[in-house]
C-alpha atoms as a PDB file:
ATOM      1  CA  MET A   1      41.924 266.583 340.878  1.00  0.00           C
ATOM      2  CA  ILE A   2      41.064 268.652 337.806  1.00  0.00           C
ATOM      3  CA  ARG A   3      39.408 266.606 335.088  1.00  0.00           C
ATOM      4  CA  TYR A   4      39.687 267.886 331.580  1.00  0.00           C
ATOM      5  CA  PRO A   5      36.738 267.257 329.260  1.00  0.00           C
ATOM      6  CA  ARG A   6      37.398 264.801 326.475  1.00  0.00           C
ATOM      7  CA  SER A   7      37.958 266.236 323.029  1.00  0.00           C
ATOM      8  CA  ARG A   8      35.585 265.581 320.161  1.00  0.00           C
ATOM      9  CA  SER A   9      38.121 263.237 318.578  1.00  0.00           C
ATOM     10  CA  GLU A  10      38.247 261.154 321.747  1.00  0.00           C
ATOM     11  CA  LYS A  11      34.450 261.004 322.000  1.00  0.00           C
ATOM     12  CA  LEU A  12      34.244 259.826 318.396  1.00  0.00           C
ATOM     13  CA  GLY A  13      36.911 257.152 318.870  1.00  0.00           C
ATOM     14  CA  LEU A  14      39.431 258.690 316.490  1.00  0.00           C
ATOM     15  CA  LYS A  15      42.871 257.158 316.995  1.00  0.00           C
ATOM     16  CA  PRO A  16      46.243 257.336 315.273  1.00  0.00           C
ATOM     17  CA  GLY A  17      46.716 254.973 312.354  1.00  0.00           C
ATOM     18  CA  GLN A  18      43.038 254.503 311.500  1.00  0.00           C
ATOM     19  CA  LYS A  19      41.431 254.414 308.074  1.00  0.00           C
ATOM     20  CA  VAL A  20      38.666 257.014 307.949  1.00  0.00           C
ATOM     21  CA  SER A  21      36.166 258.167 305.327  1.00  0.00           C
ATOM     22  CA  ILE A  22      34.166 261.408 305.439  1.00  0.00           C
ATOM     23  CA  LEU A  23      31.029 261.881 303.367  1.00  0.00           C
ATOM     24  CA  GLY A  24      28.893 265.015 303.303  1.00  0.00           C
ATOM     25  CA  VAL A  25      30.443 266.583 306.412  1.00  0.00           C
ATOM     26  CA  ASP A  26      31.139 270.272 305.778  1.00  0.00           C
ATOM     27  CA  ASP A  27      33.412 270.998 308.733  1.00  0.00           C
ATOM     28  CA  LYS A  28      36.988 272.045 307.956  1.00  0.00           C
ATOM     29  CA  GLY A  29      37.984 271.876 311.597  1.00  0.00           C
ATOM     30  CA  PHE A  30      36.837 268.273 311.812  1.00  0.00           C
ATOM     31  CA  LEU A  31      38.681 267.359 308.617  1.00  0.00           C
ATOM     32  CA  SER A  32      41.863 268.770 310.138  1.00  0.00           C
ATOM     33  CA  GLU A  33      41.296 266.702 313.285  1.00  0.00           C
ATOM     34  CA  VAL A  34      40.918 263.529 311.241  1.00  0.00           C
ATOM     35  CA  GLU A  35      43.921 264.152 309.010  1.00  0.00           C
ATOM     36  CA  ALA A  36      46.080 264.809 312.072  1.00  0.00           C
ATOM     37  CA  LEU A  37      45.337 261.322 313.402  1.00  0.00           C
ATOM     38  CA  ALA A  38      44.263 258.992 310.607  1.00  0.00           C
ATOM     39  CA  GLU A  39      46.716 257.048 308.504  1.00  0.00           C
ATOM     40  CA  ASP A  40      44.393 257.005 305.497  1.00  0.00           C
ATOM     41  CA  THR A  41      41.605 259.555 304.923  1.00  0.00           C
ATOM     42  CA  THR A  42      39.164 259.646 302.016  1.00  0.00           C
ATOM     43  CA  VAL A  43      36.659 262.441 301.451  1.00  0.00           C
ATOM     44  CA  GLY A  44      33.514 261.939 299.392  1.00  0.00           C
ATOM     45  CA  VAL A  45      34.071 258.211 298.734  1.00  0.00           C
ATOM     46  CA  PRO A  46      33.439 255.309 301.154  1.00  0.00           C
ATOM     47  CA  GLY A  47      36.760 253.539 300.679  1.00  0.00           C
ATOM     48  CA  LYS A  48      37.310 249.995 301.915  1.00  0.00           C
ATOM     49  CA  ASP A  49      38.016 248.347 305.290  1.00  0.00           C
ATOM     50  CA  ARG A  50      37.410 251.635 307.082  1.00  0.00           C
ATOM     51  CA  ASP A  51      37.742 251.883 310.836  1.00  0.00           C
ATOM     52  CA  LEU A  52      35.348 254.828 310.876  1.00  0.00           C
ATOM     53  CA  VAL A  53      32.982 256.347 308.323  1.00  0.00           C
ATOM     54  CA  PHE A  54      31.430 259.751 309.044  1.00  0.00           C
ATOM     55  CA  PHE A  55      28.275 260.258 307.021  1.00  0.00           C
ATOM     56  CA  ALA A  56      26.023 263.331 307.149  1.00  0.00           C
ATOM     57  CA  ALA A  57      22.408 262.745 306.090  1.00  0.00           C
ATOM     58  CA  ARG A  58      20.126 265.615 305.140  1.00  0.00           C
ATOM     59  CA  ASP A  59      16.877 263.659 304.828  1.00  0.00           C
ATOM     60  CA  ARG A  60      15.445 260.136 305.041  1.00  0.00           C
ATOM     61  CA  ALA A  61      16.389 259.396 301.435  1.00  0.00           C
ATOM     62  CA  ASP A  62      20.074 259.841 302.303  1.00  0.00           C
ATOM     63  CA  LEU A  63      19.781 257.071 304.887  1.00  0.00           C
ATOM     64  CA  GLU A  64      19.373 254.551 302.059  1.00  0.00           C
ATOM     65  CA  ARG A  65      23.154 254.752 301.635  1.00  0.00           C
ATOM     66  CA  LEU A  66      23.752 252.984 304.944  1.00  0.00           C
ATOM     67  CA  GLY A  67      23.690 249.570 303.262  1.00  0.00           C
ATOM     68  CA  ARG A  68      26.551 250.527 300.959  1.00  0.00           C
ATOM     69  CA  LEU A  69      28.457 252.183 303.791  1.00  0.00           C
ATOM     70  CA  ARG A  70      28.180 249.039 305.890  1.00  0.00           C
ATOM     71  CA  ARG A  71      30.187 247.202 303.221  1.00  0.00           C
ATOM     72  CA  ALA A  72      32.886 249.884 303.466  1.00  0.00           C
ATOM     73  CA  ILE A  73      33.728 249.360 307.136  1.00  0.00           C
ATOM     74  CA  ALA A  74      36.096 246.798 308.611  1.00  0.00           C
ATOM     75  CA  ASP A  75      34.757 243.883 310.642  1.00  0.00           C
ATOM     76  CA  ASP A  76      35.022 245.904 313.857  1.00  0.00           C
ATOM     77  CA  GLY A  77      34.545 249.310 312.217  1.00  0.00           C
ATOM     78  CA  ALA A  78      31.749 251.819 312.767  1.00  0.00           C
ATOM     79  CA  ILE A  79      29.642 254.380 310.947  1.00  0.00           C
ATOM     80  CA  TRP A  80      28.923 257.732 312.528  1.00  0.00           C
ATOM     81  CA  ALA A  81      25.576 258.795 311.078  1.00  0.00           C
ATOM     82  CA  LEU A  82      25.147 262.551 311.472  1.00  0.00           C
ATOM     83  CA  TRP A  83      21.949 264.546 311.020  1.00  0.00           C
ATOM     84  CA  PRO A  84      20.839 268.182 311.588  1.00  0.00           C
ATOM     85  CA  LYS A  85      19.578 269.049 315.039  1.00  0.00           C
ATOM     86  CA  GLY A  86      15.996 270.193 315.559  1.00  0.00           C
ATOM     87  CA  ARG A  87      14.563 269.224 312.166  1.00  0.00           C
ATOM     88  CA  LYS A  88      11.309 267.298 312.040  1.00  0.00           C
ATOM     89  CA  GLU A  89      12.031 265.770 308.625  1.00  0.00           C
ATOM     90  CA  LEU A  90      14.910 263.731 310.050  1.00  0.00           C
ATOM     91  CA  ARG A  91      15.029 262.503 313.630  1.00  0.00           C
ATOM     92  CA  GLU A  92      17.158 260.143 315.675  1.00  0.00           C
ATOM     93  CA  ASP A  93      14.530 257.394 315.424  1.00  0.00           C
ATOM     94  CA  ASP A  94      14.627 257.647 311.619  1.00  0.00           C
ATOM     95  CA  VAL A  95      18.380 257.035 311.685  1.00  0.00           C
ATOM     96  CA  ARG A  96      18.012 254.142 314.116  1.00  0.00           C
ATOM     97  CA  GLN A  97      15.290 252.439 312.054  1.00  0.00           C
ATOM     98  CA  ALA A  98      17.283 252.801 308.836  1.00  0.00           C
ATOM     99  CA  ALA A  99      20.303 251.336 310.608  1.00  0.00           C
ATOM    100  CA  LEU A 100      18.362 248.300 311.828  1.00  0.00           C
ATOM    101  CA  ALA A 101      17.034 247.716 308.318  1.00  0.00           C
ATOM    102  CA  ASN A 102      20.654 247.432 307.151  1.00  0.00           C
ATOM    103  CA  GLY A 103      21.903 245.132 309.920  1.00  0.00           C
ATOM    104  CA  LEU A 104      23.387 247.924 312.043  1.00  0.00           C
ATOM    105  CA  VAL A 105      22.777 248.753 315.693  1.00  0.00           C
ATOM    106  CA  ASP A 106      23.431 252.007 317.530  1.00  0.00           C
ATOM    107  CA  VAL A 107      25.833 251.959 320.473  1.00  0.00           C
ATOM    108  CA  LYS A 108      26.473 255.631 321.218  1.00  0.00           C
ATOM    109  CA  VAL A 109      25.017 259.094 320.636  1.00  0.00           C
ATOM    110  CA  VAL A 110      26.989 262.363 320.722  1.00  0.00           C
ATOM    111  CA  ALA A 111      26.570 266.033 319.972  1.00  0.00           C
ATOM    112  CA  PHE A 112      28.892 266.159 316.973  1.00  0.00           C
ATOM    113  CA  SER A 113      28.735 269.936 316.688  1.00  0.00           C
ATOM    114  CA  ASP A 114      26.421 272.858 317.382  1.00  0.00           C
ATOM    115  CA  VAL A 115      24.317 271.872 314.379  1.00  0.00           C
ATOM    116  CA  LEU A 116      24.775 268.100 314.023  1.00  0.00           C
ATOM    117  CA  SER A 117      23.941 265.103 316.210  1.00  0.00           C
ATOM    118  CA  GLY A 118      25.704 261.773 315.750  1.00  0.00           C
ATOM    119  CA  LEU A 119      24.776 258.122 316.224  1.00  0.00           C
ATOM    120  CA  LYS A 120      27.479 255.454 316.210  1.00  0.00           C
ATOM    121  CA  LEU A 121      26.414 252.373 314.244  1.00  0.00           C
ATOM    122  CA  VAL A 122      28.109 248.969 314.212  1.00  0.00           C
ATOM    123  CA  VAL A 123      27.398 245.537 312.734  1.00  0.00           C
ATOM    124  CA  ARG A 124      25.739 243.124 315.166  1.00  0.00           C
ATOM    125  CA  ARG A 125      28.232 240.815 316.891  1.00  0.00           C
ATOM    126  CA  ALA A 126      26.424 237.692 315.684  1.00  0.00           C
ATOM    127  CA  ASP A 127      26.633 238.938 312.100  1.00  0.00           C
ATOM    128  CA  ARG A 128      30.322 239.723 312.534  1.00  0.00           C
ATOM    129  CA  ARG A 129      30.997 236.160 313.725  1.00  0.00           C
ATOM    130  CA  ALA A 130      29.040 234.750 310.788  1.00  0.00           C
ATOM    131  CA  ALA A 131      30.989 236.937 308.375  1.00  0.00           C
ATOM    132  CA  ARG A 132      34.302 235.759 309.863  1.00  0.00           C
ATOM    133  CA  ARG A 133      33.262 232.111 309.516  1.00  0.00           C
ATOM    134  CA  ALA A 134      32.214 232.651 305.903  1.00  0.00           C
ATOM    135  CA  SER A 135      35.473 234.433 305.160  1.00  0.00           C
ATOM    136  CA  ALA A 136      37.498 231.621 306.751  1.00  0.00           C
ATOM    137  CA  ALA A 137      35.586 229.017 304.740  1.00  0.00           C
ATOM    138  CA  THR A 138      36.256 230.942 301.536  1.00  0.00           C
ATOM    139  CA  ARG A 139      39.976 231.170 302.298  1.00  0.00           C
ATOM    140  CA  SER A 140      40.093 227.442 303.072  1.00  0.00           C
ATOM    141  CA  THR A 141      38.394 226.629 299.769  1.00  0.00           C
ATOM    142  CA  ARG A 142      40.830 228.824 297.877  1.00  0.00           C
ATOM    143  CA  ARG A 143      43.811 227.171 299.557  1.00  0.00           C
ATOM    144  CA  ALA A 144      42.451 223.743 298.670  1.00  0.00           C
ATOM    145  CA  GLY A 145      42.389 224.686 295.006  1.00  0.00           C
ATOM    146  CA  PRO A 146      39.904 223.841 292.259  1.00  0.00           C
ATOM    147  CA  ARG A 147      38.230 220.456 291.875  1.00  0.00           C
ATOM    148  CA  PRO A 148      40.521 218.154 289.887  1.00  0.00           C
ATOM    149  CA  ALA A 149      39.603 216.547 286.571  1.00  0.00           C
ATOM    150  CA  ILE A 150      38.562 212.927 287.093  1.00  0.00           C
ATOM    151  CA  PRO A 151      39.984 210.315 284.669  1.00  0.00           C
ATOM    152  CA  PRO A 152      37.267 208.767 282.435  1.00  0.00           C
ATOM    153  CA  ASP A 153      37.697 205.229 283.799  1.00  0.00           C
ATOM    154  CA  LEU A 154      37.471 206.387 287.415  1.00  0.00           C
ATOM    155  CA  GLU A 155      34.514 208.604 286.509  1.00  0.00           C
ATOM    156  CA  ALA A 156      32.741 205.615 284.961  1.00  0.00           C
ATOM    157  CA  ALA A 157      33.357 203.520 288.085  1.00  0.00           C
ATOM    158  CA  LEU A 158      32.022 206.301 290.315  1.00  0.00           C
ATOM    159  CA  ALA A 159      28.928 206.558 288.125  1.00  0.00           C
ATOM    160  CA  ARG A 160      28.154 202.896 288.827  1.00  0.00           C
ATOM    161  CA  SER A 161      28.164 203.417 292.611  1.00  0.00           C
ATOM    162  CA  THR A 162      25.903 206.092 294.058  1.00  0.00           C
ATOM    163  CA  ARG A 163      27.455 205.612 297.490  1.00  0.00           C
ATOM    164  CA  ALA A 164      31.042 205.973 296.274  1.00  0.00           C
ATOM    165  CA  ARG A 165      30.108 208.972 294.145  1.00  0.00           C
ATOM    166  CA  ALA A 166      28.578 210.764 297.125  1.00  0.00           C
ATOM    167  CA  ALA A 167      31.596 209.990 299.321  1.00  0.00           C
ATOM    168  CA  PHE A 168      34.018 211.207 296.650  1.00  0.00           C
ATOM    169  CA  ASP A 169      32.103 214.456 296.131  1.00  0.00           C
ATOM    170  CA  ARG A 170      32.271 215.174 299.863  1.00  0.00           C
ATOM    171  CA  GLN A 171      36.071 215.113 299.806  1.00  0.00           C
ATOM    172  CA  PRO A 172      37.972 218.415 299.572  1.00  0.00           C
ATOM    173  CA  PRO A 173      39.906 218.918 296.310  1.00  0.00           C
ATOM    174  CA  SER A 174      43.222 217.986 297.940  1.00  0.00           C
ATOM    175  CA  HIS A 175      41.877 214.560 298.986  1.00  0.00           C
ATOM    176  CA  GLN A 176      40.237 213.976 295.611  1.00  0.00           C
ATOM    177  CA  ARG A 177      43.610 214.579 293.986  1.00  0.00           C
ATOM    178  CA  GLU A 178      45.146 211.901 296.221  1.00  0.00           C
ATOM    179  CA  TYR A 179      42.561 209.350 295.099  1.00  0.00           C
ATOM    180  CA  ILE A 180      43.152 210.295 291.459  1.00  0.00           C
ATOM    181  CA  GLY A 181      46.925 210.244 291.939  1.00  0.00           C
ATOM    182  CA  TYR A 182      46.742 206.735 293.413  1.00  0.00           C
ATOM    183  CA  VAL A 183      44.955 205.542 290.266  1.00  0.00           C
ATOM    184  CA  ASP A 184      47.061 207.500 287.764  1.00  0.00           C
ATOM    185  CA  GLU A 185      50.377 206.287 289.191  1.00  0.00           C
ATOM    186  CA  ALA A 186      49.580 202.697 288.152  1.00  0.00           C
ATOM    187  CA  LYS A 187      51.733 201.739 285.162  1.00  0.00           C
ATOM    188  CA  ARG A 188      49.925 198.612 283.981  1.00  0.00           C
ATOM    189  CA  PRO A 189      46.256 198.451 282.897  1.00  0.00           C
ATOM    190  CA  GLN A 190      45.488 195.589 285.270  1.00  0.00           C
ATOM    191  CA  THR A 191      47.061 197.475 288.178  1.00  0.00           C
ATOM    192  CA  ARG A 192      45.060 200.574 287.312  1.00  0.00           C
ATOM    193  CA  ALA A 193      41.842 198.547 287.190  1.00  0.00           C
ATOM    194  CA  ARG A 194      42.595 197.054 290.613  1.00  0.00           C
ATOM    195  CA  ARG A 195      43.250 200.474 292.087  1.00  0.00           C
ATOM    196  CA  ILE A 196      40.014 201.840 290.715  1.00  0.00           C
ATOM    197  CA  ALA A 197      38.162 198.907 292.299  1.00  0.00           C
ATOM    198  CA  GLU A 198      39.953 199.506 295.613  1.00  0.00           C
ATOM    199  CA  THR A 199      39.134 203.213 295.484  1.00  0.00           C
ATOM    200  CA  ILE A 200      35.447 202.495 294.930  1.00  0.00           C
ATOM    201  CA  GLU A 201      35.458 199.974 297.776  1.00  0.00           C
ATOM    202  CA  HIS A 202      37.103 202.440 300.150  1.00  0.00           C
ATOM    203  CA  LEU A 203      34.687 205.205 299.205  1.00  0.00           C
ATOM    204  CA  GLU A 204      31.712 202.904 299.743  1.00  0.00           C
ATOM    205  CA  VAL A 205      32.981 202.037 303.230  1.00  0.00           C
ATOM    206  CA  ASP A 206      33.474 205.740 303.896  1.00  0.00           C
ATOM    207  CA  ALA A 207      29.901 206.481 302.860  1.00  0.00           C
ATOM    208  CA  HIS A 208      28.407 203.537 304.750  1.00  0.00           C
ATOM    209  CA  ASP A 209      30.280 203.757 308.041  1.00  0.00           C
ATOM    210  CA  PRO A 210      32.863 206.520 308.532  1.00  0.00           C
ATOM    211  CA  ALA A 211      33.724 205.009 311.943  1.00  0.00           C
ATOM    212  CA  LYS A 212      35.514 202.159 310.159  1.00  0.00           C
ATOM    213  CA  ARG A 213      38.248 204.573 309.127  1.00  0.00           C
ATOM    214  CA  SER A 214      41.349 205.252 311.165  1.00  0.00           C
ATOM    215  CA  GLU A 215      40.895 207.983 313.749  1.00  0.00           C
ATOM    216  CA  GLY A 216      41.213 211.430 312.208  1.00  0.00           C
ATOM    217  CA  ASP A 217      41.646 210.112 308.658  1.00  0.00           C
ATOM    218  CA  THR A 218      38.947 211.525 306.395  1.00  0.00           C
ATOM    219  CA  ARG A 219      40.403 210.183 303.165  1.00  0.00           C
ATOM    220  CA  TYR A 220      40.662 206.405 303.409  1.00  0.00           C
ATOM    221  CA  PRO A 221      39.089 203.687 305.601  1.00  0.00           C
ATOM    222  CA  ALA A 222      41.084 202.197 308.426  1.00  0.00           C
ATOM    223  CA  LYS A 223      41.880 198.935 306.578  1.00  0.00           C
ATOM    224  CA  ARG A 224      45.450 199.914 305.611  1.00  0.00           C
ATOM    225  CA  SER A 225      48.820 198.286 306.148  1.00  0.00           C
ATOM    226  CA  GLU A 226      50.637 199.331 309.306  1.00  0.00           C
ATOM    227  CA  GLY A 227      52.655 202.490 308.772  1.00  0.00           C
ATOM    228  CA  ASP A 228      51.155 203.257 305.372  1.00  0.00           C
ATOM    229  CA  THR A 229      49.629 206.729 305.472  1.00  0.00           C
ATOM    230  CA  HIS A 230      48.992 207.259 301.777  1.00  0.00           C
ATOM    231  CA  TYR A 231      47.886 204.091 299.978  1.00  0.00           C
ATOM    232  CA  PRO A 232      45.223 201.541 300.951  1.00  0.00           C
ATOM    233  CA  ALA A 233      46.531 198.269 302.330  1.00  0.00           C
ATOM    234  CA  LYS A 234      44.198 196.039 300.370  1.00  0.00           C
ATOM    235  CA  ARG A 235      46.289 195.377 297.257  1.00  0.00           C
ATOM    236  CA  SER A 236      45.933 192.359 295.054  1.00  0.00           C
ATOM    237  CA  GLU A 237      48.727 189.817 295.189  1.00  0.00           C
ATOM    238  CA  GLY A 238      51.201 190.433 292.422  1.00  0.00           C
ATOM    239  CA  ASP A 239      50.996 194.214 292.507  1.00  0.00           C
ATOM    240  CA  THR A 240      54.690 195.000 292.705  1.00  0.00           C
ATOM    241  CA  HIS A 241      54.515 198.668 291.807  1.00  0.00           C
ATOM    242  CA  TYR A 242      53.901 199.748 295.396  1.00  0.00           C
ATOM    243  CA  PRO A 243      54.937 197.579 298.364  1.00  0.00           C
ATOM    244  CA  ALA A 244      52.413 196.917 301.104  1.00  0.00           C
ATOM    245  CA  LYS A 245      54.678 198.620 303.610  1.00  0.00           C
ATOM    246  CA  ARG A 246      56.803 201.577 302.734  1.00  0.00           C
ATOM    247  CA  PRO A 247      60.203 202.000 304.402  1.00  0.00           C
END
């Protein structure tokens, strides 16, 4: 069986549909190779969410750009750091050390051309996982929306109970809005006062012993009427605005 040597594009991991940036690489043939495959090619600027960034360094000072280039690649992207062959002022170890200083590790070395060597650099897997978790947390916070404004009377009641205040502050914005909505929907002053007292009581139970809540419910304690999934069960007698059990 005749085995054909892999092309430079294959060795470098160039694939159709990729986003690629080229910085400082003076090789027209290579640029043609990239443009024939890549969906989006930028020359001279890092771009964003790049699958591959090809960066030619002339000296150690140029390697300081690796930190900025790291921010230009996608989560599973890579930087190909290129440097001149046979020059004492810039060696492979210099590239590797600069990469490590910027949270990058080398995974492959190639002869890019007759005059340039190349080292493939990627973000550590542990750092990639941490970045994904942080990104997911940010998206979750954005979906939850901003913290709601707390009515003055509920704010005053929370200020009188350190435990309830701490429990309320731990709630995501969506759950805080439910507490506030429960209070604000009361039509009569006495009903509103009762609901504020109930809210404080529930928050204090939450802070003291979360196990007393219904399984999986992080908003209210378990002491609710059967079938009621929104309002606490402990209502004072005479509160006719909301029945103890909803249909």
